[in-house]
Amino acid sequence: MFNYLKARLANLATSSTWFVCVLGVITLYLVGAVLIGIHFSQAPSQVGIDKIIERARIDSSAPAIGTATVETLVFVIETLLEKRGGYLSNDVTLPGLWLDNMPNWEFGALVQSRDLARALRKDFSRSQSQSTEDIDLVVAEPALNYDSEKWFPSAESSYSKSAEAARSFGNRLATQGENAQFYARADNLRNYLANVETRLGSLSQRLSASVGQIRFNTDFMRDLNVNQSIENLTERRVKTPWFEIDDVFFESRGSAWALLHILRAIEHDFASVLENKNARISLRQVIRELESTQQTVWSPMILNGSGFGLFANHSLVMASYISRAHTALSDLRALLSQG
């Protein structure tokens, strides 16, 4: 009987030891995943346009017009793929699996990259509506529109393909070969900025909805004769769900990060157009407002206080900067439209 009890106690001690070891390993893994996740959630820093142009490794003191814009597109894509932790939006393991701030940041930057790739293919590289599309941009633009959360085949492979095609176009611009062209015209720039303006307007409205608002329906404000498929209410309440507030904030932050790099490149490539239209200051004002969106967030979480309440509302602060950039962009487009 004594031997039996002794054997049972030994087995129990062995089982307890294994249980403690397994629990310890799991705990260490989870703690490590949290710490690594915090490290991965740090957004990339801003890079000056001169350094971005240097990345093209062009043996010329005066890069061809369009080099800055194309190389900035490549830079944004490669940053998404090569930043801390790499591309996280399609991760299926920890810590990327439970992170949402950085994946939303990535999506915001990705949307701006897609818009620029489309503008390059549709406007900047073509002299008129019946011009032939560039062979590299035909590859770059659709590859960048691949599902951002697809794990297999991976989104990373498609985006790398887009970056390679865009860089090939940039190299052809630099060497002035194979019919590669970049047309820095006021109408091309105006078309691209019109799309950017709608993006910023949408982000501003989504950020402002963090506190909930009763909004009038302004869909028919400019045309009383417009018909639509579903009748809208005169007023409606708009409020972002509390668990999506930080998602919208970081998507806006990522979008602004990518856009301010793109606009710096546009200031470089469209310098003569901006000077002729007296629009350089307006563009710089847009960039200034977007730079303000990249200030450090000192709070460990995105706060959602009421408008004049006791606590801050980070979404409303971001909406203020985005809205001011949207207004300055509207003024810029008006200047570009002048004869």
C-alpha atoms as a PDB file:
ATOM      1  CA  MET A   1       0.000   0.000   0.000  1.00  0.00           C
ATOM      2  CA  PHE A   2       2.834   2.379   0.875  1.00  0.00           C
ATOM      3  CA  ASN A   3       4.594   1.634  -2.423  1.00  0.00           C
ATOM      4  CA  TYR A   4       1.380   2.324  -4.339  1.00  0.00           C
ATOM      5  CA  LEU A   5       0.891   5.716  -2.690  1.00  0.00           C
ATOM      6  CA  LYS A   6       4.542   6.557  -3.296  1.00  0.00           C
ATOM      7  CA  ALA A   7       4.193   5.736  -7.015  1.00  0.00           C
ATOM      8  CA  ARG A   8       1.023   7.841  -7.279  1.00  0.00           C
ATOM      9  CA  LEU A   9       2.691  10.824  -5.649  1.00  0.00           C
ATOM     10  CA  ALA A  10       5.669  10.478  -7.989  1.00  0.00           C
ATOM     11  CA  ASN A  11       3.372  10.405 -11.039  1.00  0.00           C
ATOM     12  CA  LEU A  12       1.473  13.425  -9.721  1.00  0.00           C
ATOM     13  CA  ALA A  13       4.711  15.342  -9.192  1.00  0.00           C
ATOM     14  CA  THR A  14       5.865  14.466 -12.699  1.00  0.00           C
ATOM     15  CA  SER A  15       2.530  15.568 -14.196  1.00  0.00           C
ATOM     16  CA  SER A  16       2.622  18.823 -12.225  1.00  0.00           C
ATOM     17  CA  THR A  17       6.151  19.496 -13.427  1.00  0.00           C
ATOM     18  CA  TRP A  18       5.126  18.984 -17.051  1.00  0.00           C
ATOM     19  CA  PHE A  19       2.068  21.178 -16.565  1.00  0.00           C
ATOM     20  CA  VAL A  20       4.131  23.976 -15.033  1.00  0.00           C
ATOM     21  CA  CYS A  21       6.703  23.722 -17.847  1.00  0.00           C
ATOM     22  CA  VAL A  22       4.033  23.860 -20.561  1.00  0.00           C
ATOM     23  CA  LEU A  23       2.261  26.760 -18.827  1.00  0.00           C
ATOM     24  CA  GLY A  24       5.581  28.589 -18.465  1.00  0.00           C
ATOM     25  CA  VAL A  25       6.416  28.147 -22.145  1.00  0.00           C
ATOM     26  CA  ILE A  26       2.980  29.401 -23.212  1.00  0.00           C
ATOM     27  CA  THR A  27       3.247  32.390 -20.865  1.00  0.00           C
ATOM     28  CA  LEU A  28       6.712  33.289 -22.151  1.00  0.00           C
ATOM     29  CA  TYR A  29       5.474  32.976 -25.732  1.00  0.00           C
ATOM     30  CA  LEU A  30       2.489  35.250 -25.088  1.00  0.00           C
ATOM     31  CA  VAL A  31       4.574  37.832 -23.226  1.00  0.00           C
ATOM     32  CA  GLY A  32       7.168  37.740 -26.007  1.00  0.00           C
ATOM     33  CA  ALA A  33       4.428  38.139 -28.621  1.00  0.00           C
ATOM     34  CA  VAL A  34       3.080  41.200 -26.782  1.00  0.00           C
ATOM     35  CA  LEU A  35       6.513  42.841 -26.599  1.00  0.00           C
ATOM     36  CA  ILE A  36       7.288  42.044 -30.239  1.00  0.00           C
ATOM     37  CA  GLY A  37       3.825  43.305 -31.212  1.00  0.00           C
ATOM     38  CA  ILE A  38       4.526  46.641 -29.518  1.00  0.00           C
ATOM     39  CA  HIS A  39       7.801  46.848 -31.445  1.00  0.00           C
ATOM     40  CA  PHE A  40       6.088  45.978 -34.726  1.00  0.00           C
ATOM     41  CA  SER A  41       3.395  48.623 -34.149  1.00  0.00           C
ATOM     42  CA  GLN A  42       5.852  51.518 -34.425  1.00  0.00           C
ATOM     43  CA  ALA A  43       5.163  53.404 -37.662  1.00  0.00           C
ATOM     44  CA  PRO A  44       8.062  54.139 -40.046  1.00  0.00           C
ATOM     45  CA  SER A  45       9.620  57.589 -39.853  1.00  0.00           C
ATOM     46  CA  GLN A  46       9.383  60.168 -42.620  1.00  0.00           C
ATOM     47  CA  VAL A  47      12.062  60.328 -45.324  1.00  0.00           C
ATOM     48  CA  GLY A  48      13.067  63.414 -47.294  1.00  0.00           C
ATOM     49  CA  ILE A  49      12.505  63.545 -51.033  1.00  0.00           C
ATOM     50  CA  ASP A  50      16.248  63.884 -51.716  1.00  0.00           C
ATOM     51  CA  LYS A  51      16.945  60.568 -49.995  1.00  0.00           C
ATOM     52  CA  ILE A  52      14.112  58.927 -51.884  1.00  0.00           C
ATOM     53  CA  ILE A  53      15.552  60.099 -55.200  1.00  0.00           C
ATOM     54  CA  GLU A  54      18.972  58.795 -54.154  1.00  0.00           C
ATOM     55  CA  ARG A  55      17.414  55.348 -53.748  1.00  0.00           C
ATOM     56  CA  ALA A  56      16.936  55.248 -57.513  1.00  0.00           C
ATOM     57  CA  ARG A  57      20.745  55.083 -57.908  1.00  0.00           C
ATOM     58  CA  ILE A  58      20.611  57.248 -61.046  1.00  0.00           C
ATOM     59  CA  ASP A  59      23.956  58.475 -62.400  1.00  0.00           C
ATOM     60  CA  SER A  60      22.742  61.985 -63.110  1.00  0.00           C
ATOM     61  CA  SER A  61      22.899  65.292 -61.304  1.00  0.00           C
ATOM     62  CA  ALA A  62      19.464  66.199 -62.681  1.00  0.00           C
ATOM     63  CA  PRO A  63      17.004  63.273 -62.489  1.00  0.00           C
ATOM     64  CA  ALA A  64      14.404  63.070 -65.237  1.00  0.00           C
ATOM     65  CA  ILE A  65      10.997  64.598 -64.599  1.00  0.00           C
ATOM     66  CA  GLY A  66       8.837  61.954 -62.952  1.00  0.00           C
ATOM     67  CA  THR A  67      11.685  60.162 -61.201  1.00  0.00           C
ATOM     68  CA  ALA A  68      10.729  61.541 -57.782  1.00  0.00           C
ATOM     69  CA  THR A  69       7.079  60.515 -58.116  1.00  0.00           C
ATOM     70  CA  VAL A  70       7.818  57.021 -59.411  1.00  0.00           C
ATOM     71  CA  GLU A  71      10.547  56.376 -56.859  1.00  0.00           C
ATOM     72  CA  THR A  72       8.250  57.574 -54.076  1.00  0.00           C
ATOM     73  CA  LEU A  73       5.687  54.988 -55.140  1.00  0.00           C
ATOM     74  CA  VAL A  74       8.386  52.326 -54.964  1.00  0.00           C
ATOM     75  CA  PHE A  75       9.525  53.651 -51.587  1.00  0.00           C
ATOM     76  CA  VAL A  76       6.025  53.473 -50.070  1.00  0.00           C
ATOM     77  CA  ILE A  77       5.466  49.927 -51.350  1.00  0.00           C
ATOM     78  CA  GLU A  78       8.850  48.716 -50.148  1.00  0.00           C
ATOM     79  CA  THR A  79       8.303  50.377 -46.771  1.00  0.00           C
ATOM     80  CA  LEU A  80       5.089  48.403 -46.370  1.00  0.00           C
ATOM     81  CA  LEU A  81       7.006  45.191 -47.052  1.00  0.00           C
ATOM     82  CA  GLU A  82      10.274  45.897 -45.220  1.00  0.00           C
ATOM     83  CA  LYS A  83       9.342  47.943 -42.137  1.00  0.00           C
ATOM     84  CA  ARG A  84       9.506  46.487 -38.619  1.00  0.00           C
ATOM     85  CA  GLY A  85       7.802  43.126 -38.704  1.00  0.00           C
ATOM     86  CA  GLY A  86       7.295  43.292 -42.441  1.00  0.00           C
ATOM     87  CA  TYR A  87       3.800  43.305 -43.919  1.00  0.00           C
ATOM     88  CA  LEU A  88       1.330  42.364 -41.149  1.00  0.00           C
ATOM     89  CA  SER A  89      -2.146  42.634 -42.710  1.00  0.00           C
ATOM     90  CA  ASN A  90      -2.216  38.989 -43.827  1.00  0.00           C
ATOM     91  CA  ASP A  91      -0.385  37.390 -40.880  1.00  0.00           C
ATOM     92  CA  VAL A  92      -1.889  34.161 -39.536  1.00  0.00           C
ATOM     93  CA  THR A  93       0.434  33.780 -36.528  1.00  0.00           C
ATOM     94  CA  LEU A  94       1.184  35.845 -33.436  1.00  0.00           C
ATOM     95  CA  PRO A  95       1.883  38.665 -32.928  1.00  0.00           C
ATOM     96  CA  GLY A  96       0.580  39.868 -36.292  1.00  0.00           C
ATOM     97  CA  LEU A  97      -2.651  37.899 -35.856  1.00  0.00           C
ATOM     98  CA  TRP A  98      -3.906  40.038 -32.988  1.00  0.00           C
ATOM     99  CA  LEU A  99      -2.506  43.389 -34.114  1.00  0.00           C
ATOM    100  CA  ASP A 100      -4.944  45.777 -35.791  1.00  0.00           C
ATOM    101  CA  ASN A 101      -3.392  49.249 -35.539  1.00  0.00           C
ATOM    102  CA  MET A 102      -0.509  48.553 -37.909  1.00  0.00           C
ATOM    103  CA  PRO A 103      -2.605  46.579 -40.445  1.00  0.00           C
ATOM    104  CA  ASN A 104      -4.984  49.543 -40.633  1.00  0.00           C
ATOM    105  CA  TRP A 105      -2.005  51.891 -41.009  1.00  0.00           C
ATOM    106  CA  GLU A 106      -0.777  49.659 -43.845  1.00  0.00           C
ATOM    107  CA  PHE A 107      -4.171  49.766 -45.559  1.00  0.00           C
ATOM    108  CA  GLY A 108      -4.256  53.566 -45.467  1.00  0.00           C
ATOM    109  CA  ALA A 109      -0.803  53.783 -47.066  1.00  0.00           C
ATOM    110  CA  LEU A 110      -1.733  51.061 -49.555  1.00  0.00           C
ATOM    111  CA  VAL A 111      -4.813  52.944 -50.758  1.00  0.00           C
ATOM    112  CA  GLN A 112      -2.713  56.032 -51.489  1.00  0.00           C
ATOM    113  CA  SER A 113      -0.201  53.853 -53.354  1.00  0.00           C
ATOM    114  CA  ARG A 114      -2.975  52.349 -55.448  1.00  0.00           C
ATOM    115  CA  ASP A 115      -4.311  55.806 -56.328  1.00  0.00           C
ATOM    116  CA  LEU A 116      -0.858  56.975 -57.410  1.00  0.00           C
ATOM    117  CA  ALA A 117      -0.225  53.832 -59.466  1.00  0.00           C
ATOM    118  CA  ARG A 118      -3.548  54.357 -61.221  1.00  0.00           C
ATOM    119  CA  ALA A 119      -2.732  58.015 -61.897  1.00  0.00           C
ATOM    120  CA  LEU A 120       0.650  57.031 -63.340  1.00  0.00           C
ATOM    121  CA  ARG A 121      -0.945  54.511 -65.672  1.00  0.00           C
ATOM    122  CA  LYS A 122      -3.990  56.608 -66.609  1.00  0.00           C
ATOM    123  CA  ASP A 123      -2.683  60.204 -66.701  1.00  0.00           C
ATOM    124  CA  PHE A 124       0.959  60.935 -65.925  1.00  0.00           C
ATOM    125  CA  SER A 125       2.448  58.529 -68.476  1.00  0.00           C
ATOM    126  CA  ARG A 126       0.046  59.345 -71.337  1.00  0.00           C
ATOM    127  CA  SER A 127      -0.115  62.426 -73.535  1.00  0.00           C
ATOM    128  CA  GLN A 128      -3.790  62.018 -74.452  1.00  0.00           C
ATOM    129  CA  SER A 129      -6.755  59.667 -74.049  1.00  0.00           C
ATOM    130  CA  GLN A 130      -5.820  57.544 -77.068  1.00  0.00           C
ATOM    131  CA  SER A 131      -2.167  57.087 -76.080  1.00  0.00           C
ATOM    132  CA  THR A 132      -0.844  53.584 -75.503  1.00  0.00           C
ATOM    133  CA  GLU A 133      -0.452  52.504 -71.889  1.00  0.00           C
ATOM    134  CA  ASP A 134       3.060  51.944 -70.586  1.00  0.00           C
ATOM    135  CA  ILE A 135       4.050  48.271 -70.502  1.00  0.00           C
ATOM    136  CA  ASP A 136       5.441  48.430 -66.944  1.00  0.00           C
ATOM    137  CA  LEU A 137       2.571  50.384 -65.460  1.00  0.00           C
ATOM    138  CA  VAL A 138       0.117  47.895 -66.970  1.00  0.00           C
ATOM    139  CA  VAL A 139       1.753  45.385 -64.608  1.00  0.00           C
ATOM    140  CA  ALA A 140       2.322  47.666 -61.610  1.00  0.00           C
ATOM    141  CA  GLU A 141      -1.200  48.999 -61.160  1.00  0.00           C
ATOM    142  CA  PRO A 142      -3.227  45.734 -61.044  1.00  0.00           C
ATOM    143  CA  ALA A 143      -0.556  43.962 -58.980  1.00  0.00           C
ATOM    144  CA  LEU A 144      -0.967  46.616 -56.302  1.00  0.00           C
ATOM    145  CA  ASN A 145      -4.736  46.060 -56.212  1.00  0.00           C
ATOM    146  CA  TYR A 146      -4.335  42.482 -55.010  1.00  0.00           C
ATOM    147  CA  ASP A 147      -6.287  41.523 -51.847  1.00  0.00           C
ATOM    148  CA  SER A 148      -4.363  43.060 -48.935  1.00  0.00           C
ATOM    149  CA  GLU A 149      -5.307  40.238 -46.527  1.00  0.00           C
ATOM    150  CA  LYS A 150      -4.572  37.311 -48.849  1.00  0.00           C
ATOM    151  CA  TRP A 151      -2.076  34.895 -47.311  1.00  0.00           C
ATOM    152  CA  PHE A 152      -1.665  32.452 -50.227  1.00  0.00           C
ATOM    153  CA  PRO A 153      -0.716  33.428 -52.827  1.00  0.00           C
ATOM    154  CA  SER A 154       0.705  36.152 -50.645  1.00  0.00           C
ATOM    155  CA  ALA A 155      -0.069  39.838 -50.971  1.00  0.00           C
ATOM    156  CA  GLU A 156       3.648  40.510 -50.466  1.00  0.00           C
ATOM    157  CA  SER A 157       4.604  38.724 -53.676  1.00  0.00           C
ATOM    158  CA  SER A 158       2.082  40.725 -55.699  1.00  0.00           C
ATOM    159  CA  TYR A 159       3.175  44.043 -54.183  1.00  0.00           C
ATOM    160  CA  SER A 160       6.839  43.201 -54.782  1.00  0.00           C
ATOM    161  CA  LYS A 161       5.952  42.581 -58.414  1.00  0.00           C
ATOM    162  CA  SER A 162       4.294  46.012 -58.545  1.00  0.00           C
ATOM    163  CA  ALA A 163       7.365  47.709 -57.052  1.00  0.00           C
ATOM    164  CA  GLU A 164       9.665  45.985 -59.548  1.00  0.00           C
ATOM    165  CA  ALA A 165       7.496  47.075 -62.492  1.00  0.00           C
ATOM    166  CA  ALA A 166       7.324  50.664 -61.201  1.00  0.00           C
ATOM    167  CA  ARG A 167      11.082  50.763 -60.727  1.00  0.00           C
ATOM    168  CA  SER A 168      11.551  49.428 -64.259  1.00  0.00           C
ATOM    169  CA  PHE A 169       9.431  52.323 -65.522  1.00  0.00           C
ATOM    170  CA  GLY A 170      11.519  54.743 -63.450  1.00  0.00           C
ATOM    171  CA  ASN A 171      14.767  53.346 -64.851  1.00  0.00           C
ATOM    172  CA  ARG A 172      13.463  53.764 -68.368  1.00  0.00           C
ATOM    173  CA  LEU A 173      12.558  57.367 -67.562  1.00  0.00           C
ATOM    174  CA  ALA A 174      16.078  57.986 -66.298  1.00  0.00           C
ATOM    175  CA  THR A 175      17.728  56.513 -69.389  1.00  0.00           C
ATOM    176  CA  GLN A 176      15.193  58.133 -71.741  1.00  0.00           C
ATOM    177  CA  GLY A 177      14.600  54.852 -73.465  1.00  0.00           C
ATOM    178  CA  GLU A 178      11.826  52.604 -74.708  1.00  0.00           C
ATOM    179  CA  ASN A 179       9.201  55.353 -75.022  1.00  0.00           C
ATOM    180  CA  ALA A 180       8.892  55.954 -71.275  1.00  0.00           C
ATOM    181  CA  GLN A 181       7.309  59.348 -70.615  1.00  0.00           C
ATOM    182  CA  PHE A 182       6.068  61.369 -67.656  1.00  0.00           C
ATOM    183  CA  TYR A 183       3.883  64.366 -68.527  1.00  0.00           C
ATOM    184  CA  ALA A 184       3.969  67.012 -65.773  1.00  0.00           C
ATOM    185  CA  ARG A 185       0.909  69.020 -66.809  1.00  0.00           C
ATOM    186  CA  ALA A 186      -1.644  70.974 -64.802  1.00  0.00           C
ATOM    187  CA  ASP A 187      -4.595  68.892 -66.044  1.00  0.00           C
ATOM    188  CA  ASN A 188      -2.897  65.600 -65.123  1.00  0.00           C
ATOM    189  CA  LEU A 189      -2.092  66.875 -61.657  1.00  0.00           C
ATOM    190  CA  ARG A 190      -5.581  68.265 -61.194  1.00  0.00           C
ATOM    191  CA  ASN A 191      -7.149  64.890 -62.039  1.00  0.00           C
ATOM    192  CA  TYR A 192      -4.978  63.100 -59.488  1.00  0.00           C
ATOM    193  CA  LEU A 193      -5.602  65.678 -56.768  1.00  0.00           C
ATOM    194  CA  ALA A 194      -9.372  65.424 -57.320  1.00  0.00           C
ATOM    195  CA  ASN A 195      -9.146  61.771 -56.287  1.00  0.00           C
ATOM    196  CA  VAL A 196      -6.963  62.629 -53.289  1.00  0.00           C
ATOM    197  CA  GLU A 197      -9.482  65.260 -52.249  1.00  0.00           C
ATOM    198  CA  THR A 198     -12.309  62.720 -52.111  1.00  0.00           C
ATOM    199  CA  ARG A 199     -10.142  60.347 -50.078  1.00  0.00           C
ATOM    200  CA  LEU A 200      -9.372  63.025 -47.508  1.00  0.00           C
ATOM    201  CA  GLY A 201     -13.010  64.115 -47.371  1.00  0.00           C
ATOM    202  CA  SER A 202     -14.115  60.559 -46.589  1.00  0.00           C
ATOM    203  CA  LEU A 203     -11.464  60.120 -43.903  1.00  0.00           C
ATOM    204  CA  SER A 204     -12.426  63.429 -42.300  1.00  0.00           C
ATOM    205  CA  GLN A 205     -16.087  62.411 -42.087  1.00  0.00           C
ATOM    206  CA  ARG A 206     -15.269  58.976 -40.659  1.00  0.00           C
ATOM    207  CA  LEU A 207     -12.974  60.482 -38.033  1.00  0.00           C
ATOM    208  CA  SER A 208     -15.554  63.101 -37.029  1.00  0.00           C
ATOM    209  CA  ALA A 209     -18.162  60.371 -36.519  1.00  0.00           C
ATOM    210  CA  SER A 210     -16.226  59.089 -33.494  1.00  0.00           C
ATOM    211  CA  VAL A 211     -18.490  61.079 -31.143  1.00  0.00           C
ATOM    212  CA  GLY A 212     -21.706  60.556 -33.091  1.00  0.00           C
ATOM    213  CA  GLN A 213     -23.433  63.267 -35.094  1.00  0.00           C
ATOM    214  CA  ILE A 214     -26.859  64.100 -36.483  1.00  0.00           C
ATOM    215  CA  ARG A 215     -26.149  65.044 -40.088  1.00  0.00           C
ATOM    216  CA  PHE A 216     -28.367  66.543 -42.749  1.00  0.00           C
ATOM    217  CA  ASN A 217     -28.523  64.727 -46.062  1.00  0.00           C
ATOM    218  CA  THR A 218     -26.531  66.893 -48.501  1.00  0.00           C
ATOM    219  CA  ASP A 219     -26.496  64.378 -51.366  1.00  0.00           C
ATOM    220  CA  PHE A 220     -28.795  66.543 -53.522  1.00  0.00           C
ATOM    221  CA  MET A 221     -27.413  69.913 -52.447  1.00  0.00           C
ATOM    222  CA  ARG A 222     -26.148  70.806 -55.947  1.00  0.00           C
ATOM    223  CA  ASP A 223     -28.834  69.255 -58.129  1.00  0.00           C
ATOM    224  CA  LEU A 224     -32.506  68.970 -57.195  1.00  0.00           C
ATOM    225  CA  ASN A 225     -33.308  66.858 -60.267  1.00  0.00           C
ATOM    226  CA  VAL A 226     -31.076  63.913 -59.351  1.00  0.00           C
ATOM    227  CA  ASN A 227     -32.764  60.561 -58.747  1.00  0.00           C
ATOM    228  CA  GLN A 228     -31.330  57.648 -56.751  1.00  0.00           C
ATOM    229  CA  SER A 229     -32.126  53.996 -56.162  1.00  0.00           C
ATOM    230  CA  ILE A 230     -32.934  54.273 -52.428  1.00  0.00           C
ATOM    231  CA  GLU A 231     -34.610  57.263 -50.827  1.00  0.00           C
ATOM    232  CA  ASN A 232     -32.490  58.912 -48.128  1.00  0.00           C
ATOM    233  CA  LEU A 233     -33.702  60.427 -44.873  1.00  0.00           C
ATOM    234  CA  THR A 234     -33.436  64.183 -44.385  1.00  0.00           C
ATOM    235  CA  GLU A 235     -31.369  63.588 -41.248  1.00  0.00           C
ATOM    236  CA  ARG A 236     -29.447  60.612 -39.972  1.00  0.00           C
ATOM    237  CA  ARG A 237     -27.258  59.735 -37.005  1.00  0.00           C
ATOM    238  CA  VAL A 238     -23.689  58.750 -37.877  1.00  0.00           C
ATOM    239  CA  LYS A 239     -21.397  57.198 -35.285  1.00  0.00           C
ATOM    240  CA  THR A 240     -18.333  54.985 -35.600  1.00  0.00           C
ATOM    241  CA  PRO A 241     -18.603  51.816 -33.450  1.00  0.00           C
ATOM    242  CA  TRP A 242     -16.305  52.104 -30.429  1.00  0.00           C
ATOM    243  CA  PHE A 243     -14.208  49.083 -31.499  1.00  0.00           C
ATOM    244  CA  GLU A 244     -13.517  50.673 -34.918  1.00  0.00           C
ATOM    245  CA  ILE A 245     -12.431  54.117 -33.690  1.00  0.00           C
ATOM    246  CA  ASP A 246      -8.724  53.228 -33.461  1.00  0.00           C
ATOM    247  CA  ASP A 247      -8.952  51.427 -36.824  1.00  0.00           C
ATOM    248  CA  VAL A 248     -10.132  54.595 -38.587  1.00  0.00           C
ATOM    249  CA  PHE A 249      -7.531  56.677 -36.742  1.00  0.00           C
ATOM    250  CA  PHE A 250      -4.578  54.537 -37.819  1.00  0.00           C
ATOM    251  CA  GLU A 251      -5.891  54.112 -41.365  1.00  0.00           C
ATOM    252  CA  SER A 252      -5.990  57.913 -41.611  1.00  0.00           C
ATOM    253  CA  ARG A 253      -2.518  58.179 -40.119  1.00  0.00           C
ATOM    254  CA  GLY A 254      -1.086  55.690 -42.627  1.00  0.00           C
ATOM    255  CA  SER A 255      -2.870  57.388 -45.513  1.00  0.00           C
ATOM    256  CA  ALA A 256      -1.493  60.792 -44.481  1.00  0.00           C
ATOM    257  CA  TRP A 257       2.032  59.362 -44.093  1.00  0.00           C
ATOM    258  CA  ALA A 258       2.043  58.008 -47.642  1.00  0.00           C
ATOM    259  CA  LEU A 259       0.350  61.072 -49.110  1.00  0.00           C
ATOM    260  CA  LEU A 260       2.768  63.601 -47.653  1.00  0.00           C
ATOM    261  CA  HIS A 261       5.681  61.704 -49.277  1.00  0.00           C
ATOM    262  CA  ILE A 262       3.804  61.626 -52.576  1.00  0.00           C
ATOM    263  CA  LEU A 263       3.018  65.358 -52.472  1.00  0.00           C
ATOM    264  CA  ARG A 264       6.663  66.182 -51.747  1.00  0.00           C
ATOM    265  CA  ALA A 265       7.569  64.233 -54.882  1.00  0.00           C
ATOM    266  CA  ILE A 266       4.887  66.064 -56.847  1.00  0.00           C
ATOM    267  CA  GLU A 267       6.285  69.387 -55.654  1.00  0.00           C
ATOM    268  CA  HIS A 268       9.635  68.290 -57.103  1.00  0.00           C
ATOM    269  CA  ASP A 269       8.380  66.963 -60.458  1.00  0.00           C
ATOM    270  CA  PHE A 270       5.673  69.576 -61.069  1.00  0.00           C
ATOM    271  CA  ALA A 271       7.805  72.535 -59.932  1.00  0.00           C
ATOM    272  CA  SER A 272       7.374  74.547 -63.149  1.00  0.00           C
ATOM    273  CA  VAL A 273       3.609  73.944 -63.256  1.00  0.00           C
ATOM    274  CA  LEU A 274       3.204  75.035 -59.644  1.00  0.00           C
ATOM    275  CA  GLU A 275       5.271  78.143 -60.243  1.00  0.00           C
ATOM    276  CA  ASN A 276       3.288  79.110 -63.338  1.00  0.00           C
ATOM    277  CA  LYS A 277       0.013  78.723 -61.449  1.00  0.00           C
ATOM    278  CA  ASN A 278       1.369  80.371 -58.285  1.00  0.00           C
ATOM    279  CA  ALA A 279       0.299  77.215 -56.448  1.00  0.00           C
ATOM    280  CA  ARG A 280       3.457  76.063 -54.671  1.00  0.00           C
ATOM    281  CA  ILE A 281       2.472  77.670 -51.346  1.00  0.00           C
ATOM    282  CA  SER A 282      -0.929  75.968 -51.465  1.00  0.00           C
ATOM    283  CA  LEU A 283       0.731  72.597 -51.966  1.00  0.00           C
ATOM    284  CA  ARG A 284       3.133  73.250 -49.111  1.00  0.00           C
ATOM    285  CA  GLN A 285       0.185  74.099 -46.875  1.00  0.00           C
ATOM    286  CA  VAL A 286      -1.342  70.690 -47.636  1.00  0.00           C
ATOM    287  CA  ILE A 287       1.969  69.028 -46.795  1.00  0.00           C
ATOM    288  CA  ARG A 288       2.233  71.050 -43.565  1.00  0.00           C
ATOM    289  CA  GLU A 289      -1.183  69.851 -42.400  1.00  0.00           C
ATOM    290  CA  LEU A 290      -0.353  66.245 -43.245  1.00  0.00           C
ATOM    291  CA  GLU A 291       2.913  66.489 -41.326  1.00  0.00           C
ATOM    292  CA  SER A 292       0.903  67.457 -38.247  1.00  0.00           C
ATOM    293  CA  THR A 293      -0.961  64.136 -38.434  1.00  0.00           C
ATOM    294  CA  GLN A 294       2.318  62.312 -37.774  1.00  0.00           C
ATOM    295  CA  GLN A 295       2.931  63.788 -34.327  1.00  0.00           C
ATOM    296  CA  THR A 296       3.637  61.320 -31.539  1.00  0.00           C
ATOM    297  CA  VAL A 297       0.598  59.867 -29.781  1.00  0.00           C
ATOM    298  CA  TRP A 298       1.600  59.844 -26.117  1.00  0.00           C
ATOM    299  CA  SER A 299      -1.463  58.006 -24.895  1.00  0.00           C
ATOM    300  CA  PRO A 300      -1.226  54.170 -24.792  1.00  0.00           C
ATOM    301  CA  MET A 301      -4.635  54.027 -26.474  1.00  0.00           C
ATOM    302  CA  ILE A 302      -6.724  56.193 -28.793  1.00  0.00           C
ATOM    303  CA  LEU A 303      -9.007  58.250 -26.564  1.00  0.00           C
ATOM    304  CA  ASN A 304     -12.559  59.083 -27.565  1.00  0.00           C
ATOM    305  CA  GLY A 305     -13.708  61.852 -25.254  1.00  0.00           C
ATOM    306  CA  SER A 306     -16.680  64.019 -26.146  1.00  0.00           C
ATOM    307  CA  GLY A 307     -16.189  67.243 -28.061  1.00  0.00           C
ATOM    308  CA  PHE A 308     -15.671  69.564 -25.079  1.00  0.00           C
ATOM    309  CA  GLY A 309     -15.431  66.855 -22.452  1.00  0.00           C
ATOM    310  CA  LEU A 310     -12.844  66.054 -19.817  1.00  0.00           C
ATOM    311  CA  PHE A 311     -10.765  63.707 -21.975  1.00  0.00           C
ATOM    312  CA  ALA A 312      -9.102  64.175 -25.356  1.00  0.00           C
ATOM    313  CA  ASN A 313     -10.569  62.892 -28.598  1.00  0.00           C
ATOM    314  CA  HIS A 314      -7.698  61.877 -30.846  1.00  0.00           C
ATOM    315  CA  SER A 315     -10.005  61.210 -33.787  1.00  0.00           C
ATOM    316  CA  LEU A 316     -11.320  64.785 -33.761  1.00  0.00           C
ATOM    317  CA  VAL A 317      -7.782  66.167 -33.649  1.00  0.00           C
ATOM    318  CA  MET A 318      -6.825  63.996 -36.629  1.00  0.00           C
ATOM    319  CA  ALA A 319     -10.042  65.018 -38.407  1.00  0.00           C
ATOM    320  CA  SER A 320      -9.091  68.682 -37.939  1.00  0.00           C
ATOM    321  CA  TYR A 321      -5.731  68.226 -39.673  1.00  0.00           C
ATOM    322  CA  ILE A 322      -7.227  66.077 -42.453  1.00  0.00           C
ATOM    323  CA  SER A 323     -10.054  68.561 -43.012  1.00  0.00           C
ATOM    324  CA  ARG A 324      -7.633  71.491 -43.241  1.00  0.00           C
ATOM    325  CA  ALA A 325      -5.518  69.556 -45.723  1.00  0.00           C
ATOM    326  CA  HIS A 326      -8.688  68.840 -47.704  1.00  0.00           C
ATOM    327  CA  THR A 327      -9.551  72.549 -47.806  1.00  0.00           C
ATOM    328  CA  ALA A 328      -6.032  73.538 -48.866  1.00  0.00           C
ATOM    329  CA  LEU A 329      -6.165  70.864 -51.559  1.00  0.00           C
ATOM    330  CA  SER A 330      -9.403  72.307 -52.881  1.00  0.00           C
ATOM    331  CA  ASP A 331      -7.741  75.738 -53.113  1.00  0.00           C
ATOM    332  CA  LEU A 332      -4.784  74.146 -54.915  1.00  0.00           C
ATOM    333  CA  ARG A 333      -7.031  72.548 -57.516  1.00  0.00           C
ATOM    334  CA  ALA A 334      -8.785  75.869 -58.073  1.00  0.00           C
ATOM    335  CA  LEU A 335      -5.434  77.519 -58.817  1.00  0.00           C
ATOM    336  CA  LEU A 336      -4.487  74.740 -61.238  1.00  0.00           C
ATOM    337  CA  SER A 337      -7.776  75.245 -63.084  1.00  0.00           C
ATOM    338  CA  GLN A 338      -7.034  78.874 -63.840  1.00  0.00           C
ATOM    339  CA  GLY A 339      -5.843  79.711 -67.319  1.00  0.00           C
END
